[in-house]
Amino acid sequence: MARINWLAFREIYFKILVSILVVIAAMLLLQDALNHLKLRALVAEATSSRLQISASTIESAIVRSEGLGLSMDEMAGLQDLLDRERERDPSVVQIEIVSPIGAPVVSSGSGPLVPTGTDLAEDIEKEREQALRRVLGARDKVTLFDAGSHLYTGRVIYDSSDAIMGAIILTTPTVAYMQRANLASEKMRKSYLIVFAIVAALLIPFIVVQFSGVRYAFRAFDPDLVGKGVSNGDDFPPETRELLASIEMGNSQYSKSSEELDDILKHDAAGMSDEQAALGKKT
């Protein structure tokens, strides 16, 4: 076996394989992150659409009372309606009806249970303020606001003169629906790992076979093979055997040319010696 074999190229193979696998892994990680964000948005939209059914029911009752000349705070049975709608969906922690300036009118549920005086309580209050600005400041009738820990679904209420009477805001913890999204993400992540393992298993022999020509080319220049004939390279591909034959032919032509040059130099040197000897005798 020649001194230069495929083990001599393990560093080249290793660097090529690692580079390709790192690129593939980075692409899969990026795809997984994008899928997670997209899945979160889709689940949030689906949850908001489901909550809009309760918001639409409450809006219909308020609009009917407004048609009778009753304001929201004068509507009888509004509190019971909110309690029933909240009990119908356990994921909803609070249903709140606010005025056009964001002041609470009627609410059901105590909202997120957090200790008062903590940073978490302050964050929840900031989330609520952002949700109120988003719902009442947007021109859309239906608003979705994902604050990270909670999902706020808003629905603006208009009176008969098309003026804003207020808004309905339903609060849901994101944990309530992200569990299923996380399970789906975990399944996709396992699929990516399987794809990565299959690609790695197929890529290793592919790289070795594709770069076998480089290995044979280096073996053709191995000092142990130079001058020993092409028979030592019978296991080489045809291209490498042709390269070896060309090298051997070139070496043979070089040797013949060197011998002929040496003969010419010797013949010229002998002729010059005879001429010098003849001149010496004449003198």
Protein backbone atom coordinates (compact mmCIF):
# COMPACT_ATOMS: atom_id res chain seq x y z
CA MET A 1 0.00 0.00 0.00
CA ALA A 2 1.33 3.45 -0.86
CA ARG A 3 2.49 5.72 1.93
CA ILE A 4 -0.09 8.38 1.08
CA ASN A 5 -3.54 6.90 1.64
CA TRP A 6 -6.94 8.19 2.59
CA LEU A 7 -5.90 8.56 6.23
CA ALA A 8 -3.53 11.30 5.13
CA PHE A 9 -6.57 13.28 4.00
CA ARG A 10 -8.61 12.84 7.17
CA GLU A 11 -7.96 16.47 8.13
CA ILE A 12 -9.19 17.69 4.73
CA TYR A 13 -12.25 15.46 4.92
CA PHE A 14 -12.89 16.56 8.50
CA LYS A 15 -12.76 20.28 7.69
CA ILE A 16 -14.99 19.90 4.64
CA LEU A 17 -17.53 17.78 6.49
CA VAL A 18 -17.59 20.05 9.53
CA SER A 19 -18.04 23.15 7.36
CA ILE A 20 -20.94 21.63 5.43
CA LEU A 21 -22.60 20.21 8.55
CA VAL A 22 -22.28 23.53 10.38
CA VAL A 23 -23.99 25.31 7.47
CA ILE A 24 -26.79 22.73 7.40
CA ALA A 25 -27.22 22.90 11.18
CA ALA A 26 -27.38 26.71 11.07
CA MET A 27 -30.04 26.58 8.35
CA LEU A 28 -32.10 24.07 10.34
CA LEU A 29 -31.81 26.15 13.53
CA LEU A 30 -32.90 29.27 11.66
CA GLN A 31 -35.82 27.40 10.13
CA ASP A 32 -36.80 26.06 13.56
CA ALA A 33 -36.74 29.57 15.05
CA LEU A 34 -38.84 30.95 12.20
CA ASN A 35 -41.32 28.10 12.51
CA HIS A 36 -41.59 28.72 16.26
CA LEU A 37 -42.37 32.40 15.74
CA LYS A 38 -44.81 31.67 12.95
CA LEU A 39 -46.51 28.94 14.96
CA ARG A 40 -46.84 31.26 17.95
CA ALA A 41 -48.47 33.91 15.77
CA LEU A 42 -50.84 31.38 14.18
CA VAL A 43 -51.90 29.93 17.53
CA ALA A 44 -52.42 33.43 18.94
CA GLU A 45 -54.62 34.35 15.98
CA ALA A 46 -56.63 31.13 16.35
CA THR A 47 -57.11 31.74 20.08
CA SER A 48 -58.13 35.35 19.44
CA SER A 49 -60.66 34.25 16.82
CA ARG A 50 -62.16 31.82 19.32
CA LEU A 51 -62.39 34.52 22.00
CA GLN A 52 -64.03 36.92 19.55
CA ILE A 53 -67.12 34.69 19.68
CA SER A 54 -67.64 35.60 23.34
CA ALA A 55 -66.80 39.24 22.62
CA SER A 56 -69.36 39.31 19.80
CA THR A 57 -72.05 37.89 22.10
CA ILE A 58 -71.36 40.57 24.70
CA GLU A 59 -71.32 43.28 22.04
CA SER A 60 -74.70 42.19 20.69
CA ALA A 61 -76.27 42.44 24.16
CA ILE A 62 -74.76 45.90 24.73
CA VAL A 63 -75.90 47.19 21.32
CA ARG A 64 -79.47 45.96 21.94
CA SER A 65 -79.53 47.76 25.30
CA GLU A 66 -78.12 50.90 23.69
CA GLY A 67 -80.97 50.76 21.20
CA LEU A 68 -83.37 50.87 24.14
CA GLY A 69 -81.64 53.99 25.44
CA LEU A 70 -79.60 52.31 28.17
CA SER A 71 -75.90 52.96 28.70
CA MET A 72 -73.46 50.18 29.50
CA ASP A 73 -73.42 50.85 33.23
CA GLU A 74 -77.24 50.86 33.28
CA MET A 75 -77.61 47.55 31.45
CA ALA A 76 -79.19 44.89 33.66
CA GLY A 77 -77.62 41.46 33.62
CA LEU A 78 -74.34 42.60 32.00
CA GLN A 79 -72.28 41.35 34.92
CA ASP A 80 -73.97 37.93 34.80
CA LEU A 81 -73.36 37.76 31.05
CA LEU A 82 -69.65 38.42 31.51
CA ASP A 83 -69.43 35.81 34.27
CA ARG A 84 -71.14 33.19 32.09
CA GLU A 85 -68.86 33.88 29.12
CA ARG A 86 -65.77 33.70 31.31
CA GLU A 87 -66.86 30.42 32.91
CA ARG A 88 -67.52 28.99 29.47
CA ASP A 89 -63.81 29.32 28.60
CA PRO A 90 -61.52 28.54 31.58
CA SER A 91 -58.50 29.95 29.72
CA VAL A 92 -59.91 33.49 30.00
CA VAL A 93 -58.75 35.08 33.27
CA GLN A 94 -60.56 38.39 32.80
CA ILE A 95 -63.25 39.99 30.64
CA GLU A 96 -63.35 43.74 30.94
CA ILE A 97 -65.53 46.44 29.39
CA VAL A 98 -63.94 49.87 29.30
CA SER A 99 -65.13 53.34 28.30
CA PRO A 100 -63.72 55.23 25.29
CA ILE A 101 -61.06 56.75 27.57
CA GLY A 102 -60.04 53.37 29.02
CA ALA A 103 -61.84 53.60 32.37
CA PRO A 104 -63.22 50.24 33.61
CA VAL A 105 -67.03 49.92 33.43
CA VAL A 106 -67.73 46.25 34.15
CA SER A 107 -65.31 43.39 34.59
CA SER A 108 -65.38 39.68 35.35
CA GLY A 109 -62.45 37.89 36.84
CA SER A 110 -59.60 39.22 38.89
CA GLY A 111 -57.04 38.99 36.11
CA PRO A 112 -53.56 37.52 36.54
CA LEU A 113 -52.81 36.59 40.14
CA VAL A 114 -49.50 38.26 40.94
CA PRO A 115 -48.11 39.59 44.22
CA THR A 116 -48.59 43.32 44.61
CA GLY A 117 -45.54 45.52 44.88
CA THR A 118 -43.38 43.26 42.70
CA ASP A 119 -41.83 43.83 39.31
CA LEU A 120 -44.20 41.25 37.83
CA ALA A 121 -47.22 43.25 38.97
CA GLU A 122 -45.76 46.36 37.37
CA ASP A 123 -45.17 44.47 34.13
CA ILE A 124 -48.78 43.26 34.07
CA GLU A 125 -50.00 46.81 34.59
CA LYS A 126 -47.81 48.04 31.74
CA GLU A 127 -49.13 45.25 29.52
CA ARG A 128 -52.71 46.30 30.28
CA GLU A 129 -51.95 49.93 29.47
CA GLN A 130 -50.37 48.93 26.17
CA ALA A 131 -53.38 46.75 25.37
CA LEU A 132 -55.79 49.62 26.07
CA ARG A 133 -53.82 51.97 23.83
CA ARG A 134 -53.69 49.34 21.10
CA VAL A 135 -57.42 48.53 21.24
CA LEU A 136 -58.76 52.07 21.59
CA GLY A 137 -56.14 53.74 19.39
CA ALA A 138 -56.39 51.37 16.44
CA ARG A 139 -58.91 51.89 13.67
CA ASP A 140 -59.70 48.19 13.47
CA LYS A 141 -62.74 46.82 15.19
CA VAL A 142 -60.89 43.69 16.32
CA THR A 143 -57.42 43.91 17.84
CA LEU A 144 -54.91 41.26 18.87
CA PHE A 145 -52.05 42.13 21.22
CA ASP A 146 -49.53 39.48 22.29
CA ALA A 147 -47.69 40.97 25.28
CA GLY A 148 -45.54 37.89 25.87
CA SER A 149 -47.03 36.50 29.06
CA HIS A 150 -50.66 37.35 28.18
CA LEU A 151 -52.78 37.64 25.06
CA TYR A 152 -55.21 40.55 24.91
CA THR A 153 -58.15 40.34 22.51
CA GLY A 154 -60.05 43.59 22.02
CA ARG A 155 -63.30 44.43 20.28
CA VAL A 156 -64.49 48.02 19.89
CA ILE A 157 -68.19 48.75 20.51
CA TYR A 158 -69.97 51.38 18.37
CA ASP A 159 -73.33 52.96 19.14
CA SER A 160 -76.13 53.77 16.68
CA SER A 161 -74.41 57.01 15.66
CA ASP A 162 -71.21 55.12 14.84
CA ALA A 163 -69.42 56.62 17.83
CA ILE A 164 -67.20 54.54 20.09
CA MET A 165 -69.05 53.44 23.22
CA GLY A 166 -66.15 51.49 24.62
CA ALA A 167 -64.34 48.23 24.11
CA ILE A 168 -64.38 44.62 25.29
CA ILE A 169 -61.01 43.19 26.33
CA LEU A 170 -60.43 39.50 27.05
CA THR A 171 -57.18 38.45 28.75
CA THR A 172 -55.70 35.00 28.31
CA PRO A 173 -52.32 33.70 29.57
CA THR A 174 -50.15 32.58 26.69
CA VAL A 175 -49.33 29.41 28.63
CA ALA A 176 -52.91 28.28 28.03
CA TYR A 177 -52.35 27.84 24.30
CA MET A 178 -48.55 27.71 23.95
CA GLN A 179 -48.38 24.23 25.47
CA ARG A 180 -49.85 22.72 22.31
CA ALA A 181 -47.67 24.96 20.17
CA ASN A 182 -44.59 23.83 22.09
CA LEU A 183 -45.54 20.20 21.53
CA ALA A 184 -45.82 20.84 17.81
CA SER A 185 -42.47 22.66 17.85
CA GLU A 186 -40.89 19.74 19.68
CA LYS A 187 -42.13 17.32 17.01
CA MET A 188 -40.74 19.53 14.24
CA ARG A 189 -37.43 19.81 16.12
CA LYS A 190 -37.16 16.02 16.29
CA SER A 191 -37.87 15.85 12.57
CA TYR A 192 -35.05 18.33 11.93
CA LEU A 193 -32.67 16.21 14.02
CA ILE A 194 -33.60 13.13 11.98
CA VAL A 195 -33.04 15.07 8.74
CA PHE A 196 -29.66 16.29 10.01
CA ALA A 197 -28.60 12.74 10.97
CA ILE A 198 -29.64 11.35 7.57
CA VAL A 199 -27.83 14.13 5.70
CA ALA A 200 -24.68 13.59 7.78
CA ALA A 201 -24.78 9.83 7.19
CA LEU A 202 -25.13 10.31 3.42
CA LEU A 203 -22.68 13.20 3.22
CA ILE A 204 -19.67 11.43 4.74
CA PRO A 205 -19.29 8.70 2.07
CA PHE A 206 -20.25 11.21 -0.64
CA ILE A 207 -17.37 13.55 0.31
CA VAL A 208 -14.91 10.66 0.54
CA VAL A 209 -15.89 9.38 -2.92
CA GLN A 210 -15.98 12.83 -4.52
CA PHE A 211 -12.49 13.71 -3.27
CA SER A 212 -10.97 10.32 -4.02
CA GLY A 213 -9.48 11.78 -7.21
CA VAL A 214 -7.47 14.25 -5.15
CA ARG A 215 -6.17 11.41 -3.02
CA TYR A 216 -5.10 9.41 -6.06
CA ALA A 217 -3.48 12.46 -7.60
CA PHE A 218 -1.36 12.95 -4.49
CA ARG A 219 -0.45 9.28 -4.51
CA ALA A 220 0.73 9.68 -8.07
CA PHE A 221 3.37 12.11 -6.80
CA ASP A 222 4.40 9.91 -3.90
CA PRO A 223 8.20 9.47 -3.92
CA ASP A 224 7.73 5.75 -3.29
CA LEU A 225 5.96 5.42 -6.65
CA VAL A 226 8.26 7.57 -8.78
CA GLY A 227 10.54 5.39 -10.90
CA LYS A 228 8.85 2.12 -9.95
CA GLY A 229 6.59 1.85 -12.98
CA VAL A 230 2.89 2.09 -13.37
CA SER A 231 2.31 -1.42 -12.11
CA ASN A 232 2.27 -0.11 -8.55
CA GLY A 233 -0.78 1.96 -9.41
CA ASP A 234 -2.99 -0.77 -10.80
CA ASP A 235 -5.65 0.13 -8.26
CA PHE A 236 -5.76 3.73 -9.49
CA PRO A 237 -8.54 5.14 -11.68
CA PRO A 238 -7.81 5.39 -15.44
CA GLU A 239 -7.08 9.11 -15.22
CA THR A 240 -4.48 8.56 -12.51
CA ARG A 241 -2.87 5.67 -14.41
CA GLU A 242 -2.60 7.90 -17.47
CA LEU A 243 -1.00 10.57 -15.31
CA LEU A 244 1.47 8.02 -13.94
CA ALA A 245 2.27 6.81 -17.46
CA SER A 246 2.90 10.39 -18.59
CA ILE A 247 5.17 10.99 -15.61
CA GLU A 248 7.04 7.74 -16.29
CA MET A 249 7.41 8.61 -19.96
CA GLY A 250 8.66 12.07 -19.07
CA ASN A 251 11.18 10.63 -16.64
CA SER A 252 12.37 8.17 -19.31
CA GLN A 253 12.77 10.94 -21.90
CA TYR A 254 14.60 13.07 -19.36
CA SER A 255 16.98 10.20 -18.57
CA LYS A 256 17.70 9.56 -22.28
CA SER A 257 18.23 13.25 -22.92
CA SER A 258 20.62 13.46 -19.97
CA GLU A 259 22.60 10.45 -21.24
CA GLU A 260 22.82 11.86 -24.75
CA LEU A 261 23.95 15.21 -23.38
CA ASP A 262 26.62 13.51 -21.29
CA ASP A 263 27.87 11.59 -24.35
CA ILE A 264 28.05 14.77 -26.39
CA LEU A 265 29.94 16.57 -23.65
CA LYS A 266 32.36 13.66 -23.30
CA HIS A 267 32.90 13.47 -27.06
CA ASP A 268 33.54 17.21 -27.27
CA ALA A 269 35.91 17.07 -24.32
CA ALA A 270 37.88 14.17 -25.94
CA GLY A 271 38.09 16.04 -29.25
CA MET A 272 39.38 19.16 -27.58
CA SER A 273 42.03 17.09 -25.73
CA ASP A 274 43.27 15.55 -29.04
CA GLU A 275 43.50 18.97 -30.68
CA GLN A 276 45.45 20.35 -27.74
CA ALA A 277 47.83 17.37 -27.85
CA ALA A 278 48.42 17.79 -31.59
CA LEU A 279 49.19 21.49 -31.14
CA GLY A 280 51.65 20.63 -28.37
CA LYS A 281 53.60 18.26 -30.65
CA LYS A 282 53.88 20.86 -33.41
CA THR A 283 55.28 23.40 -31.03
